[in-house]
Amino acid sequence: MNTDKRENVTFAERKKEFELQIQNAETIAISGHMNPDGDCIGSCLGLYTYIVEQYPEKQVTLLLEPVQEKFSFLKYADQITQKKESTEPYDLFFSLDCSDTERLHEFKKYFEEAKYKICVDHHFTNQGFGDLQFIVPDASSTCEVLFSMFDWEKISSACAQDLYMGIVHDTGVFKHTNTTRKTMETAGALLEKGIHSEDIIDRTFYKKSYVQNQILGRALMESIVLLHGKVIFSIIRKRDFDFYGINSSDLDGIIDQLRVTEGIECAILLYEKEDGNFKVSMRSNDAVNVSAIAQIFGGGGHIKAAGCTVHGQPRDIVMNITHMVEHQLNESGEKQESIYDKRNS
């Protein structure tokens, strides 16, 4: 499904407009959401590579919050910056992997003042913004959307590496339910560009430092199960950050390890931020829509992976979320019973 505020505009026409805007722009900015993840980083670097390799004369700025060291091997990762050099508005601004402009955080103002804006995303909560939109809710990732926008012969090995990495991260190495036939075909096509998939997956997805393994172990050891074994949660306090000398990026993989605990329907990870608020990450397996819960707290995401930032006591936050999970499970159970009754009536 492709959406655009001009509903009668075909994908092919929008793709042509995408290329035309790049050709006409002198200054281009590319940005993604705060706390960039693999798909955000991959899509931003992939688009940056695609443009600068075709148009080396263009002034392209890659605006992202600092990324983890494990992504530094990707070509042009050293071009990521948090500063806008010129006082003039950008001719063209790309928002990637953002469900709304608030997710651009400190770069939102640069997007709003740009002369032309393009939004590329795959979140179903995205209502559409910008002058040109490529919003594909049934795509696994923003990187998959970009692949369909790019001309095959213009995708270099470096660009393919970025896109493949983003797809790997948003699909959990092709095991999440957002992995479709098109996703696998896209990944297969990118492999034909000569990339080393095993190296990309190991370096950016599986490998952890010793201290990252320590905080993972602590989070698992101190986790608590609720709702008759259907909800599991763990809390990382600021004192834990200080003790281990870590930052939020070192928590990667904890929520997914909590989720695969036997019998769990919903996993919750809270970590304390500098301002005293708690960042909440949620993952579900089958029956729970965590995006709906996150939206109640001003956050968002996908049905099975979402997050938000909440002020309050962590136990209160967990209990509120658990109550919502219980409500969803009860509703799901009632629907299943209703279907069963109809089939046997």
C-alpha atoms as a PDB file:
ATOM      1  CA  MET A   1       0.000   0.000   0.000  1.00  0.00           C
ATOM      2  CA  ASN A   2       1.416   3.394  -1.021  1.00  0.00           C
ATOM      3  CA  THR A   3      -0.165   6.590   0.171  1.00  0.00           C
ATOM      4  CA  ASP A   4       0.236  10.184  -0.904  1.00  0.00           C
ATOM      5  CA  LYS A   5      -1.836  13.248  -0.118  1.00  0.00           C
ATOM      6  CA  ARG A   6      -2.523  13.297  -3.852  1.00  0.00           C
ATOM      7  CA  GLU A   7      -4.164   9.899  -3.985  1.00  0.00           C
ATOM      8  CA  ASN A   8      -4.309   9.752  -7.769  1.00  0.00           C
ATOM      9  CA  VAL A   9      -0.515  10.034  -8.088  1.00  0.00           C
ATOM     10  CA  THR A  10       1.005   6.666  -8.934  1.00  0.00           C
ATOM     11  CA  PHE A  11       4.155   5.282  -7.358  1.00  0.00           C
ATOM     12  CA  ALA A  12       5.985   5.589 -10.684  1.00  0.00           C
ATOM     13  CA  GLU A  13       5.042   9.262 -10.921  1.00  0.00           C
ATOM     14  CA  ARG A  14       6.197   9.905  -7.380  1.00  0.00           C
ATOM     15  CA  LYS A  15       9.448   8.084  -8.073  1.00  0.00           C
ATOM     16  CA  LYS A  16      10.026  10.350 -11.066  1.00  0.00           C
ATOM     17  CA  GLU A  17       9.301  13.402  -8.881  1.00  0.00           C
ATOM     18  CA  PHE A  18      11.754  12.070  -6.280  1.00  0.00           C
ATOM     19  CA  GLU A  19      14.547  11.941  -8.860  1.00  0.00           C
ATOM     20  CA  LEU A  20      13.608  15.350 -10.276  1.00  0.00           C
ATOM     21  CA  GLN A  21      13.731  17.030  -6.859  1.00  0.00           C
ATOM     22  CA  ILE A  22      17.211  15.627  -6.219  1.00  0.00           C
ATOM     23  CA  GLN A  23      18.402  16.855  -9.604  1.00  0.00           C
ATOM     24  CA  ASN A  24      17.034  20.358  -9.027  1.00  0.00           C
ATOM     25  CA  ALA A  25      18.220  20.832  -5.448  1.00  0.00           C
ATOM     26  CA  GLU A  26      21.605  22.311  -4.584  1.00  0.00           C
ATOM     27  CA  THR A  27      21.410  21.764  -0.836  1.00  0.00           C
ATOM     28  CA  ILE A  28      19.896  18.537   0.530  1.00  0.00           C
ATOM     29  CA  ALA A  29      19.388  17.337   4.088  1.00  0.00           C
ATOM     30  CA  ILE A  30      18.633  13.796   5.226  1.00  0.00           C
ATOM     31  CA  SER A  31      17.440  13.027   8.724  1.00  0.00           C
ATOM     32  CA  GLY A  32      15.703  10.349  10.782  1.00  0.00           C
ATOM     33  CA  HIS A  33      14.198   9.842  14.194  1.00  0.00           C
ATOM     34  CA  MET A  34      15.770  10.490  17.581  1.00  0.00           C
ATOM     35  CA  ASN A  35      17.752   7.600  19.076  1.00  0.00           C
ATOM     36  CA  PRO A  36      18.344   6.185  15.584  1.00  0.00           C
ATOM     37  CA  ASP A  37      18.068   2.414  15.228  1.00  0.00           C
ATOM     38  CA  GLY A  38      19.375   0.128  12.497  1.00  0.00           C
ATOM     39  CA  ASP A  39      16.636   0.903   9.969  1.00  0.00           C
ATOM     40  CA  CYS A  40      16.896   4.639  10.564  1.00  0.00           C
ATOM     41  CA  ILE A  41      20.690   4.601  10.209  1.00  0.00           C
ATOM     42  CA  GLY A  42      20.603   2.263   7.207  1.00  0.00           C
ATOM     43  CA  SER A  43      17.988   4.288   5.354  1.00  0.00           C
ATOM     44  CA  CYS A  44      19.711   7.628   6.008  1.00  0.00           C
ATOM     45  CA  LEU A  45      23.134   6.327   4.977  1.00  0.00           C
ATOM     46  CA  GLY A  46      21.635   4.442   2.036  1.00  0.00           C
ATOM     47  CA  LEU A  47      19.933   7.541   0.662  1.00  0.00           C
ATOM     48  CA  TYR A  48      23.015   9.686   1.326  1.00  0.00           C
ATOM     49  CA  THR A  49      25.198   7.194  -0.563  1.00  0.00           C
ATOM     50  CA  TYR A  50      22.694   6.945  -3.419  1.00  0.00           C
ATOM     51  CA  ILE A  51      22.688  10.722  -3.891  1.00  0.00           C
ATOM     52  CA  VAL A  52      26.373  11.617  -3.437  1.00  0.00           C
ATOM     53  CA  GLU A  53      27.556   8.816  -5.709  1.00  0.00           C
ATOM     54  CA  GLN A  54      25.339  10.097  -8.515  1.00  0.00           C
ATOM     55  CA  TYR A  55      25.652  13.815  -7.803  1.00  0.00           C
ATOM     56  CA  PRO A  56      29.009  14.554  -6.130  1.00  0.00           C
ATOM     57  CA  GLU A  57      28.455  18.264  -6.747  1.00  0.00           C
ATOM     58  CA  LYS A  58      25.441  18.383  -4.407  1.00  0.00           C
ATOM     59  CA  GLN A  59      25.767  19.692  -0.853  1.00  0.00           C
ATOM     60  CA  VAL A  60      24.240  16.850   1.161  1.00  0.00           C
ATOM     61  CA  THR A  61      23.996  17.018   4.962  1.00  0.00           C
ATOM     62  CA  LEU A  62      23.324  13.916   7.044  1.00  0.00           C
ATOM     63  CA  LEU A  63      21.611  15.080  10.248  1.00  0.00           C
ATOM     64  CA  LEU A  64      21.343  12.369  12.886  1.00  0.00           C
ATOM     65  CA  GLU A  65      21.903  12.045  16.588  1.00  0.00           C
ATOM     66  CA  PRO A  66      25.221  10.286  17.329  1.00  0.00           C
ATOM     67  CA  VAL A  67      25.116   6.589  16.424  1.00  0.00           C
ATOM     68  CA  GLN A  68      26.728   3.589  18.068  1.00  0.00           C
ATOM     69  CA  GLU A  69      30.319   2.683  17.334  1.00  0.00           C
ATOM     70  CA  LYS A  70      29.227  -0.643  15.785  1.00  0.00           C
ATOM     71  CA  PHE A  71      27.826   1.244  12.779  1.00  0.00           C
ATOM     72  CA  SER A  72      31.050   3.183  12.124  1.00  0.00           C
ATOM     73  CA  PHE A  73      32.297   0.703   9.495  1.00  0.00           C
ATOM     74  CA  LEU A  74      29.487   1.730   7.126  1.00  0.00           C
ATOM     75  CA  LYS A  75      30.597   4.041   4.354  1.00  0.00           C
ATOM     76  CA  TYR A  76      29.895   7.735   5.057  1.00  0.00           C
ATOM     77  CA  ALA A  77      29.038   7.073   8.716  1.00  0.00           C
ATOM     78  CA  ASP A  78      31.716   9.681   9.475  1.00  0.00           C
ATOM     79  CA  GLN A  79      29.565  12.265   7.665  1.00  0.00           C
ATOM     80  CA  ILE A  80      26.827  12.150  10.305  1.00  0.00           C
ATOM     81  CA  THR A  81      26.516  15.522  12.009  1.00  0.00           C
ATOM     82  CA  GLN A  82      24.243  17.405  14.371  1.00  0.00           C
ATOM     83  CA  LYS A  83      25.009  20.838  12.960  1.00  0.00           C
ATOM     84  CA  LYS A  84      23.493  22.884  10.147  1.00  0.00           C
ATOM     85  CA  GLU A  85      26.292  24.921   8.605  1.00  0.00           C
ATOM     86  CA  SER A  86      24.260  27.436   6.579  1.00  0.00           C
ATOM     87  CA  THR A  87      21.575  29.819   7.816  1.00  0.00           C
ATOM     88  CA  GLU A  88      19.658  29.349   4.557  1.00  0.00           C
ATOM     89  CA  PRO A  89      16.837  26.780   4.315  1.00  0.00           C
ATOM     90  CA  TYR A  90      17.648  23.527   2.576  1.00  0.00           C
ATOM     91  CA  ASP A  91      16.333  23.162  -0.962  1.00  0.00           C
ATOM     92  CA  LEU A  92      15.288  19.592  -0.205  1.00  0.00           C
ATOM     93  CA  PHE A  93      14.803  17.761   3.085  1.00  0.00           C
ATOM     94  CA  PHE A  94      14.198  14.023   3.539  1.00  0.00           C
ATOM     95  CA  SER A  95      12.492  12.703   6.658  1.00  0.00           C
ATOM     96  CA  LEU A  96      13.192   8.967   6.941  1.00  0.00           C
ATOM     97  CA  ASP A  97      11.639   6.392   9.283  1.00  0.00           C
ATOM     98  CA  CYS A  98       9.658   9.056  11.198  1.00  0.00           C
ATOM     99  CA  SER A  99       5.951   8.556  11.860  1.00  0.00           C
ATOM    100  CA  ASP A 100       5.539  12.306  12.501  1.00  0.00           C
ATOM    101  CA  THR A 101       7.684  15.447  12.490  1.00  0.00           C
ATOM    102  CA  GLU A 102       8.086  15.378  16.283  1.00  0.00           C
ATOM    103  CA  ARG A 103      10.272  12.301  15.850  1.00  0.00           C
ATOM    104  CA  LEU A 104      12.806  14.488  14.021  1.00  0.00           C
ATOM    105  CA  HIS A 105      13.370  16.144  17.406  1.00  0.00           C
ATOM    106  CA  GLU A 106      15.948  18.964  17.162  1.00  0.00           C
ATOM    107  CA  PHE A 107      16.032  18.745  13.345  1.00  0.00           C
ATOM    108  CA  LYS A 108      12.292  19.360  12.985  1.00  0.00           C
ATOM    109  CA  LYS A 109      12.763  23.109  12.479  1.00  0.00           C
ATOM    110  CA  TYR A 110      15.106  22.511   9.538  1.00  0.00           C
ATOM    111  CA  PHE A 111      12.561  20.198   7.946  1.00  0.00           C
ATOM    112  CA  GLU A 112       9.735  22.709   8.343  1.00  0.00           C
ATOM    113  CA  GLU A 113      11.689  25.579   6.792  1.00  0.00           C
ATOM    114  CA  ALA A 114      12.982  23.541   3.824  1.00  0.00           C
ATOM    115  CA  LYS A 115      11.745  24.525   0.359  1.00  0.00           C
ATOM    116  CA  TYR A 116      10.636  20.986  -0.508  1.00  0.00           C
ATOM    117  CA  LYS A 117      10.030  18.073   1.846  1.00  0.00           C
ATOM    118  CA  ILE A 118       9.887  14.329   1.206  1.00  0.00           C
ATOM    119  CA  CYS A 119       8.675  11.781   3.755  1.00  0.00           C
ATOM    120  CA  VAL A 120       9.709   8.128   3.435  1.00  0.00           C
ATOM    121  CA  ASP A 121       8.368   5.771   6.085  1.00  0.00           C
ATOM    122  CA  HIS A 122       6.705   2.424   6.854  1.00  0.00           C
ATOM    123  CA  HIS A 123       4.902   3.095  10.157  1.00  0.00           C
ATOM    124  CA  PHE A 124       1.139   2.561   9.912  1.00  0.00           C
ATOM    125  CA  THR A 125       0.614   5.433  12.378  1.00  0.00           C
ATOM    126  CA  ASN A 126       2.073   7.916   9.872  1.00  0.00           C
ATOM    127  CA  GLN A 127      -0.782  10.184   8.772  1.00  0.00           C
ATOM    128  CA  GLY A 128       1.322  11.800   6.037  1.00  0.00           C
ATOM    129  CA  PHE A 129       3.382  14.979   5.946  1.00  0.00           C
ATOM    130  CA  GLY A 130       5.642  16.789   3.501  1.00  0.00           C
ATOM    131  CA  ASP A 131       5.233  17.684  -0.174  1.00  0.00           C
ATOM    132  CA  LEU A 132       5.910  14.154  -1.427  1.00  0.00           C
ATOM    133  CA  GLN A 133       5.238  10.952   0.483  1.00  0.00           C
ATOM    134  CA  PHE A 134       6.352   7.341   0.217  1.00  0.00           C
ATOM    135  CA  ILE A 135       4.529   5.720   3.140  1.00  0.00           C
ATOM    136  CA  VAL A 136       4.259   1.941   2.853  1.00  0.00           C
ATOM    137  CA  PRO A 137       2.809   0.397   6.037  1.00  0.00           C
ATOM    138  CA  ASP A 138       3.155  -3.177   4.808  1.00  0.00           C
ATOM    139  CA  ALA A 139       6.885  -2.793   4.122  1.00  0.00           C
ATOM    140  CA  SER A 140       9.246  -4.360   6.639  1.00  0.00           C
ATOM    141  CA  SER A 141      11.350  -1.233   6.929  1.00  0.00           C
ATOM    142  CA  THR A 142      12.085   2.176   5.494  1.00  0.00           C
ATOM    143  CA  CYS A 143      15.089   0.602   3.784  1.00  0.00           C
ATOM    144  CA  GLU A 144      12.724  -1.704   1.887  1.00  0.00           C
ATOM    145  CA  VAL A 145      10.699   1.341   0.780  1.00  0.00           C
ATOM    146  CA  LEU A 146      13.855   3.101  -0.424  1.00  0.00           C
ATOM    147  CA  PHE A 147      14.890   0.053  -2.437  1.00  0.00           C
ATOM    148  CA  SER A 148      11.661   0.317  -4.430  1.00  0.00           C
ATOM    149  CA  MET A 149      12.370   4.028  -5.028  1.00  0.00           C
ATOM    150  CA  PHE A 150      15.951   3.558  -6.243  1.00  0.00           C
ATOM    151  CA  ASP A 151      17.045   2.560  -9.738  1.00  0.00           C
ATOM    152  CA  TRP A 152      18.625  -0.867  -9.522  1.00  0.00           C
ATOM    153  CA  GLU A 153      21.663  -0.075 -11.636  1.00  0.00           C
ATOM    154  CA  LYS A 154      22.459   2.986  -9.479  1.00  0.00           C
ATOM    155  CA  ILE A 155      22.619   1.022  -6.212  1.00  0.00           C
ATOM    156  CA  SER A 156      26.292   0.520  -5.317  1.00  0.00           C
ATOM    157  CA  SER A 157      27.650  -2.151  -2.997  1.00  0.00           C
ATOM    158  CA  ALA A 158      27.966   0.449  -0.206  1.00  0.00           C
ATOM    159  CA  CYS A 159      24.361   1.563  -0.672  1.00  0.00           C
ATOM    160  CA  ALA A 160      23.180  -2.061  -0.756  1.00  0.00           C
ATOM    161  CA  GLN A 161      25.037  -2.742   2.491  1.00  0.00           C
ATOM    162  CA  ASP A 162      23.172   0.113   4.206  1.00  0.00           C
ATOM    163  CA  LEU A 163      19.765  -1.028   2.975  1.00  0.00           C
ATOM    164  CA  TYR A 164      20.391  -4.678   3.850  1.00  0.00           C
ATOM    165  CA  MET A 165      21.502  -3.716   7.348  1.00  0.00           C
ATOM    166  CA  GLY A 166      18.335  -1.690   7.923  1.00  0.00           C
ATOM    167  CA  ILE A 167      16.103  -4.548   6.773  1.00  0.00           C
ATOM    168  CA  VAL A 168      17.982  -6.984   9.027  1.00  0.00           C
ATOM    169  CA  HIS A 169      17.409  -4.806  12.085  1.00  0.00           C
ATOM    170  CA  ASP A 170      13.726  -4.070  11.596  1.00  0.00           C
ATOM    171  CA  THR A 171      12.921  -7.714  10.846  1.00  0.00           C
ATOM    172  CA  GLY A 172      15.046  -9.152  13.660  1.00  0.00           C
ATOM    173  CA  VAL A 173      17.160 -10.970  11.064  1.00  0.00           C
ATOM    174  CA  PHE A 174      14.055 -11.941   9.074  1.00  0.00           C
ATOM    175  CA  LYS A 175      12.158 -13.560  11.955  1.00  0.00           C
ATOM    176  CA  HIS A 176       9.537 -10.894  12.751  1.00  0.00           C
ATOM    177  CA  THR A 177       6.076 -11.099  11.188  1.00  0.00           C
ATOM    178  CA  ASN A 178       6.793  -7.989   9.093  1.00  0.00           C
ATOM    179  CA  THR A 179       9.052 -10.188   6.946  1.00  0.00           C
ATOM    180  CA  THR A 180       7.229 -10.810   3.663  1.00  0.00           C
ATOM    181  CA  ARG A 181       8.022 -12.408   0.345  1.00  0.00           C
ATOM    182  CA  LYS A 182       8.908  -8.953  -0.988  1.00  0.00           C
ATOM    183  CA  THR A 183      11.248  -8.427   1.968  1.00  0.00           C
ATOM    184  CA  MET A 184      13.126 -11.628   1.177  1.00  0.00           C
ATOM    185  CA  GLU A 185      13.233 -10.811  -2.524  1.00  0.00           C
ATOM    186  CA  THR A 186      14.598  -7.349  -1.730  1.00  0.00           C
ATOM    187  CA  ALA A 187      17.257  -8.811   0.563  1.00  0.00           C
ATOM    188  CA  GLY A 188      18.172 -11.364  -2.092  1.00  0.00           C
ATOM    189  CA  ALA A 189      18.540  -8.656  -4.717  1.00  0.00           C
ATOM    190  CA  LEU A 190      20.814  -6.655  -2.403  1.00  0.00           C
ATOM    191  CA  LEU A 191      23.013  -9.724  -1.906  1.00  0.00           C
ATOM    192  CA  GLU A 192      23.627  -9.690  -5.658  1.00  0.00           C
ATOM    193  CA  LYS A 193      25.484  -6.398  -5.158  1.00  0.00           C
ATOM    194  CA  GLY A 194      28.282  -8.355  -3.483  1.00  0.00           C
ATOM    195  CA  ILE A 195      27.667  -7.489   0.155  1.00  0.00           C
ATOM    196  CA  HIS A 196      28.737  -9.781   3.001  1.00  0.00           C
ATOM    197  CA  SER A 197      25.534 -10.503   4.876  1.00  0.00           C
ATOM    198  CA  GLU A 198      27.119 -12.526   7.685  1.00  0.00           C
ATOM    199  CA  ASP A 199      29.526  -9.699   8.511  1.00  0.00           C
ATOM    200  CA  ILE A 200      26.755  -7.074   8.518  1.00  0.00           C
ATOM    201  CA  ILE A 201      24.525  -9.210  10.771  1.00  0.00           C
ATOM    202  CA  ASP A 202      27.267 -10.131  13.242  1.00  0.00           C
ATOM    203  CA  ARG A 203      28.791  -6.653  13.530  1.00  0.00           C
ATOM    204  CA  THR A 204      25.566  -4.710  13.903  1.00  0.00           C
ATOM    205  CA  PHE A 205      23.099  -7.183  15.415  1.00  0.00           C
ATOM    206  CA  TYR A 206      24.689  -9.953  17.479  1.00  0.00           C
ATOM    207  CA  LYS A 207      28.082  -8.814  18.751  1.00  0.00           C
ATOM    208  CA  LYS A 208      28.126  -7.274  22.227  1.00  0.00           C
ATOM    209  CA  SER A 209      30.815  -5.859  24.462  1.00  0.00           C
ATOM    210  CA  TYR A 210      31.558  -7.456  27.816  1.00  0.00           C
ATOM    211  CA  VAL A 211      29.764  -4.663  29.701  1.00  0.00           C
ATOM    212  CA  GLN A 212      26.725  -4.995  27.401  1.00  0.00           C
ATOM    213  CA  ASN A 213      26.552  -8.676  28.328  1.00  0.00           C
ATOM    214  CA  GLN A 214      26.807  -7.701  31.983  1.00  0.00           C
ATOM    215  CA  ILE A 215      23.847  -5.295  31.846  1.00  0.00           C
ATOM    216  CA  LEU A 216      21.867  -7.853  29.821  1.00  0.00           C
ATOM    217  CA  GLY A 217      22.512 -10.450  32.498  1.00  0.00           C
ATOM    218  CA  ARG A 218      21.507  -8.073  35.261  1.00  0.00           C
ATOM    219  CA  ALA A 219      18.306  -7.040  33.470  1.00  0.00           C
ATOM    220  CA  LEU A 220      17.340 -10.700  33.016  1.00  0.00           C
ATOM    221  CA  MET A 221      18.257 -11.650  36.551  1.00  0.00           C
ATOM    222  CA  GLU A 222      16.200  -8.811  38.058  1.00  0.00           C
ATOM    223  CA  SER A 223      13.217  -9.216  35.720  1.00  0.00           C
ATOM    224  CA  ILE A 224       9.764  -9.856  37.192  1.00  0.00           C
ATOM    225  CA  VAL A 225       6.856 -11.796  35.718  1.00  0.00           C
ATOM    226  CA  LEU A 226       3.253 -10.588  36.119  1.00  0.00           C
ATOM    227  CA  LEU A 227      -0.241 -11.470  34.943  1.00  0.00           C
ATOM    228  CA  HIS A 228       0.086 -15.228  35.449  1.00  0.00           C
ATOM    229  CA  GLY A 229       3.309 -15.381  33.461  1.00  0.00           C
ATOM    230  CA  LYS A 230       2.093 -13.348  30.484  1.00  0.00           C
ATOM    231  CA  VAL A 231       3.951 -10.091  31.174  1.00  0.00           C
ATOM    232  CA  ILE A 232       7.637  -9.672  31.999  1.00  0.00           C
ATOM    233  CA  PHE A 233       9.407  -6.443  32.835  1.00  0.00           C
ATOM    234  CA  SER A 234      12.802  -5.163  33.885  1.00  0.00           C
ATOM    235  CA  ILE A 235      14.014  -1.734  34.980  1.00  0.00           C
ATOM    236  CA  ILE A 236      17.390  -0.094  34.371  1.00  0.00           C
ATOM    237  CA  ARG A 237      18.006   2.766  36.792  1.00  0.00           C
ATOM    238  CA  LYS A 238      20.270   5.745  36.299  1.00  0.00           C
ATOM    239  CA  ARG A 239      22.558   4.372  39.005  1.00  0.00           C
ATOM    240  CA  ASP A 240      23.017   1.278  36.816  1.00  0.00           C
ATOM    241  CA  PHE A 241      24.089   3.474  33.910  1.00  0.00           C
ATOM    242  CA  ASP A 242      26.616   5.198  36.154  1.00  0.00           C
ATOM    243  CA  PHE A 243      27.907   1.959  37.695  1.00  0.00           C
ATOM    244  CA  TYR A 244      28.509   0.193  34.365  1.00  0.00           C
ATOM    245  CA  GLY A 245      29.480   3.349  32.456  1.00  0.00           C
ATOM    246  CA  ILE A 246      26.905   2.687  29.746  1.00  0.00           C
ATOM    247  CA  ASN A 247      24.362   4.643  27.716  1.00  0.00           C
ATOM    248  CA  SER A 248      20.971   3.728  26.268  1.00  0.00           C
ATOM    249  CA  SER A 249      22.496   2.211  23.141  1.00  0.00           C
ATOM    250  CA  ASP A 250      24.082  -0.504  25.309  1.00  0.00           C
ATOM    251  CA  LEU A 251      20.606  -1.825  26.114  1.00  0.00           C
ATOM    252  CA  ASP A 252      20.060  -3.190  22.605  1.00  0.00           C
ATOM    253  CA  GLY A 253      18.741  -6.731  22.613  1.00  0.00           C
ATOM    254  CA  ILE A 254      17.491  -6.800  26.214  1.00  0.00           C
ATOM    255  CA  ILE A 255      13.820  -6.295  25.330  1.00  0.00           C
ATOM    256  CA  ASP A 256      13.967  -9.012  22.678  1.00  0.00           C
ATOM    257  CA  GLN A 257      15.553 -11.469  25.111  1.00  0.00           C
ATOM    258  CA  LEU A 258      12.770 -10.736  27.607  1.00  0.00           C
ATOM    259  CA  ARG A 259      10.159 -11.289  24.884  1.00  0.00           C
ATOM    260  CA  VAL A 260      11.262 -14.817  24.041  1.00  0.00           C
ATOM    261  CA  THR A 261      10.701 -16.006  27.624  1.00  0.00           C
ATOM    262  CA  GLU A 262       8.306 -18.972  27.477  1.00  0.00           C
ATOM    263  CA  GLY A 263       4.653 -18.052  28.001  1.00  0.00           C
ATOM    264  CA  ILE A 264       5.189 -14.306  27.658  1.00  0.00           C
ATOM    265  CA  GLU A 265       2.716 -12.234  25.652  1.00  0.00           C
ATOM    266  CA  CYS A 266       4.254  -8.810  26.373  1.00  0.00           C
ATOM    267  CA  ALA A 267       7.747  -7.711  27.453  1.00  0.00           C
ATOM    268  CA  ILE A 268       8.431  -4.294  28.977  1.00  0.00           C
ATOM    269  CA  LEU A 269      11.799  -2.614  29.530  1.00  0.00           C
ATOM    270  CA  LEU A 270      12.077   0.688  31.375  1.00  0.00           C
ATOM    271  CA  TYR A 271      15.215   2.764  31.707  1.00  0.00           C
ATOM    272  CA  GLU A 272      15.588   5.970  33.658  1.00  0.00           C
ATOM    273  CA  LYS A 273      16.531   9.073  31.695  1.00  0.00           C
ATOM    274  CA  GLU A 274      18.546  12.067  32.871  1.00  0.00           C
ATOM    275  CA  ASP A 275      15.382  14.130  33.448  1.00  0.00           C
ATOM    276  CA  GLY A 276      13.863  11.466  35.706  1.00  0.00           C
ATOM    277  CA  ASN A 277      11.385  10.246  33.100  1.00  0.00           C
ATOM    278  CA  PHE A 278      11.384   6.626  31.978  1.00  0.00           C
ATOM    279  CA  LYS A 279      11.820   5.405  28.419  1.00  0.00           C
ATOM    280  CA  VAL A 280       9.520   2.439  27.903  1.00  0.00           C
ATOM    281  CA  SER A 281      10.139  -0.212  25.253  1.00  0.00           C
ATOM    282  CA  MET A 282       7.512  -2.881  24.603  1.00  0.00           C
ATOM    283  CA  ARG A 283       7.467  -6.048  22.533  1.00  0.00           C
ATOM    284  CA  SER A 284       4.621  -8.513  22.024  1.00  0.00           C
ATOM    285  CA  ASN A 285       4.315 -11.982  20.578  1.00  0.00           C
ATOM    286  CA  ASP A 286       0.794 -12.653  19.319  1.00  0.00           C
ATOM    287  CA  ALA A 287      -2.243 -11.167  21.027  1.00  0.00           C
ATOM    288  CA  VAL A 288      -1.103  -7.720  22.221  1.00  0.00           C
ATOM    289  CA  ASN A 289      -0.985  -4.482  20.212  1.00  0.00           C
ATOM    290  CA  VAL A 290       1.747  -2.542  22.028  1.00  0.00           C
ATOM    291  CA  SER A 291       1.511   0.353  19.584  1.00  0.00           C
ATOM    292  CA  ALA A 292      -2.002   1.112  20.847  1.00  0.00           C
ATOM    293  CA  ILE A 293      -0.668   1.176  24.415  1.00  0.00           C
ATOM    294  CA  ALA A 294       2.302   3.371  23.499  1.00  0.00           C
ATOM    295  CA  GLN A 295       0.026   5.882  21.767  1.00  0.00           C
ATOM    296  CA  ILE A 296      -1.909   6.396  25.005  1.00  0.00           C
ATOM    297  CA  PHE A 297       1.343   7.652  26.548  1.00  0.00           C
ATOM    298  CA  GLY A 298       2.222   9.827  23.546  1.00  0.00           C
ATOM    299  CA  GLY A 299       4.486   7.281  21.877  1.00  0.00           C
ATOM    300  CA  GLY A 300       4.047   4.924  18.959  1.00  0.00           C
ATOM    301  CA  GLY A 301       5.611   2.272  16.781  1.00  0.00           C
ATOM    302  CA  HIS A 302       4.450  -1.046  15.392  1.00  0.00           C
ATOM    303  CA  ILE A 303       1.828  -3.516  16.604  1.00  0.00           C
ATOM    304  CA  LYS A 304       4.486  -5.794  18.089  1.00  0.00           C
ATOM    305  CA  ALA A 305       7.237  -3.258  18.823  1.00  0.00           C
ATOM    306  CA  ALA A 306       6.594   0.180  20.278  1.00  0.00           C
ATOM    307  CA  GLY A 307       7.812   2.669  22.826  1.00  0.00           C
ATOM    308  CA  CYS A 308       7.085   5.857  24.726  1.00  0.00           C
ATOM    309  CA  THR A 309       8.484   8.138  27.420  1.00  0.00           C
ATOM    310  CA  VAL A 310       6.516   8.341  30.667  1.00  0.00           C
ATOM    311  CA  HIS A 311       6.812  10.376  33.852  1.00  0.00           C
ATOM    312  CA  GLY A 312       6.076   8.604  37.114  1.00  0.00           C
ATOM    313  CA  GLN A 313       7.117   5.760  39.367  1.00  0.00           C
ATOM    314  CA  PRO A 314       8.302   2.745  37.345  1.00  0.00           C
ATOM    315  CA  ARG A 315       6.113   0.227  39.183  1.00  0.00           C
ATOM    316  CA  ASP A 316       3.046   2.411  38.525  1.00  0.00           C
ATOM    317  CA  ILE A 317       3.978   2.637  34.849  1.00  0.00           C
ATOM    318  CA  VAL A 318       4.365  -1.142  34.614  1.00  0.00           C
ATOM    319  CA  MET A 319       1.079  -1.803  36.409  1.00  0.00           C
ATOM    320  CA  ASN A 320      -0.796   0.620  34.124  1.00  0.00           C
ATOM    321  CA  ILE A 321       0.635  -1.079  31.044  1.00  0.00           C
ATOM    322  CA  THR A 322      -0.071  -4.535  32.482  1.00  0.00           C
ATOM    323  CA  HIS A 323      -3.698  -3.545  33.082  1.00  0.00           C
ATOM    324  CA  MET A 324      -3.974  -2.500  29.402  1.00  0.00           C
ATOM    325  CA  VAL A 325      -2.348  -5.756  28.300  1.00  0.00           C
ATOM    326  CA  GLU A 326      -4.813  -7.711  30.424  1.00  0.00           C
ATOM    327  CA  HIS A 327      -7.710  -5.797  28.863  1.00  0.00           C
ATOM    328  CA  GLN A 328      -6.477  -6.630  25.362  1.00  0.00           C
ATOM    329  CA  LEU A 329      -5.978 -10.295  26.239  1.00  0.00           C
ATOM    330  CA  ASN A 330      -9.473 -10.488  27.708  1.00  0.00           C
ATOM    331  CA  GLU A 331     -10.938  -8.893  24.583  1.00  0.00           C
ATOM    332  CA  SER A 332      -8.951 -11.286  22.396  1.00  0.00           C
ATOM    333  CA  GLY A 333     -10.223 -14.210  24.447  1.00  0.00           C
ATOM    334  CA  GLU A 334     -13.823 -13.041  24.172  1.00  0.00           C
ATOM    335  CA  LYS A 335     -13.475 -12.738  20.403  1.00  0.00           C
ATOM    336  CA  GLN A 336     -12.031 -16.236  20.168  1.00  0.00           C
ATOM    337  CA  GLU A 337     -14.882 -17.602  22.291  1.00  0.00           C
ATOM    338  CA  SER A 338     -17.395 -15.770  20.115  1.00  0.00           C
ATOM    339  CA  ILE A 339     -15.928 -17.283  16.957  1.00  0.00           C
ATOM    340  CA  TYR A 340     -15.950 -20.736  18.562  1.00  0.00           C
ATOM    341  CA  ASP A 341     -19.594 -20.348  19.612  1.00  0.00           C
ATOM    342  CA  LYS A 342     -20.626 -19.298  16.115  1.00  0.00           C
ATOM    343  CA  ARG A 343     -18.845 -22.267  14.548  1.00  0.00           C
ATOM    344  CA  ASN A 344     -20.580 -24.674  16.924  1.00  0.00           C
ATOM    345  CA  SER A 345     -24.051 -23.118  16.843  1.00  0.00           C
END
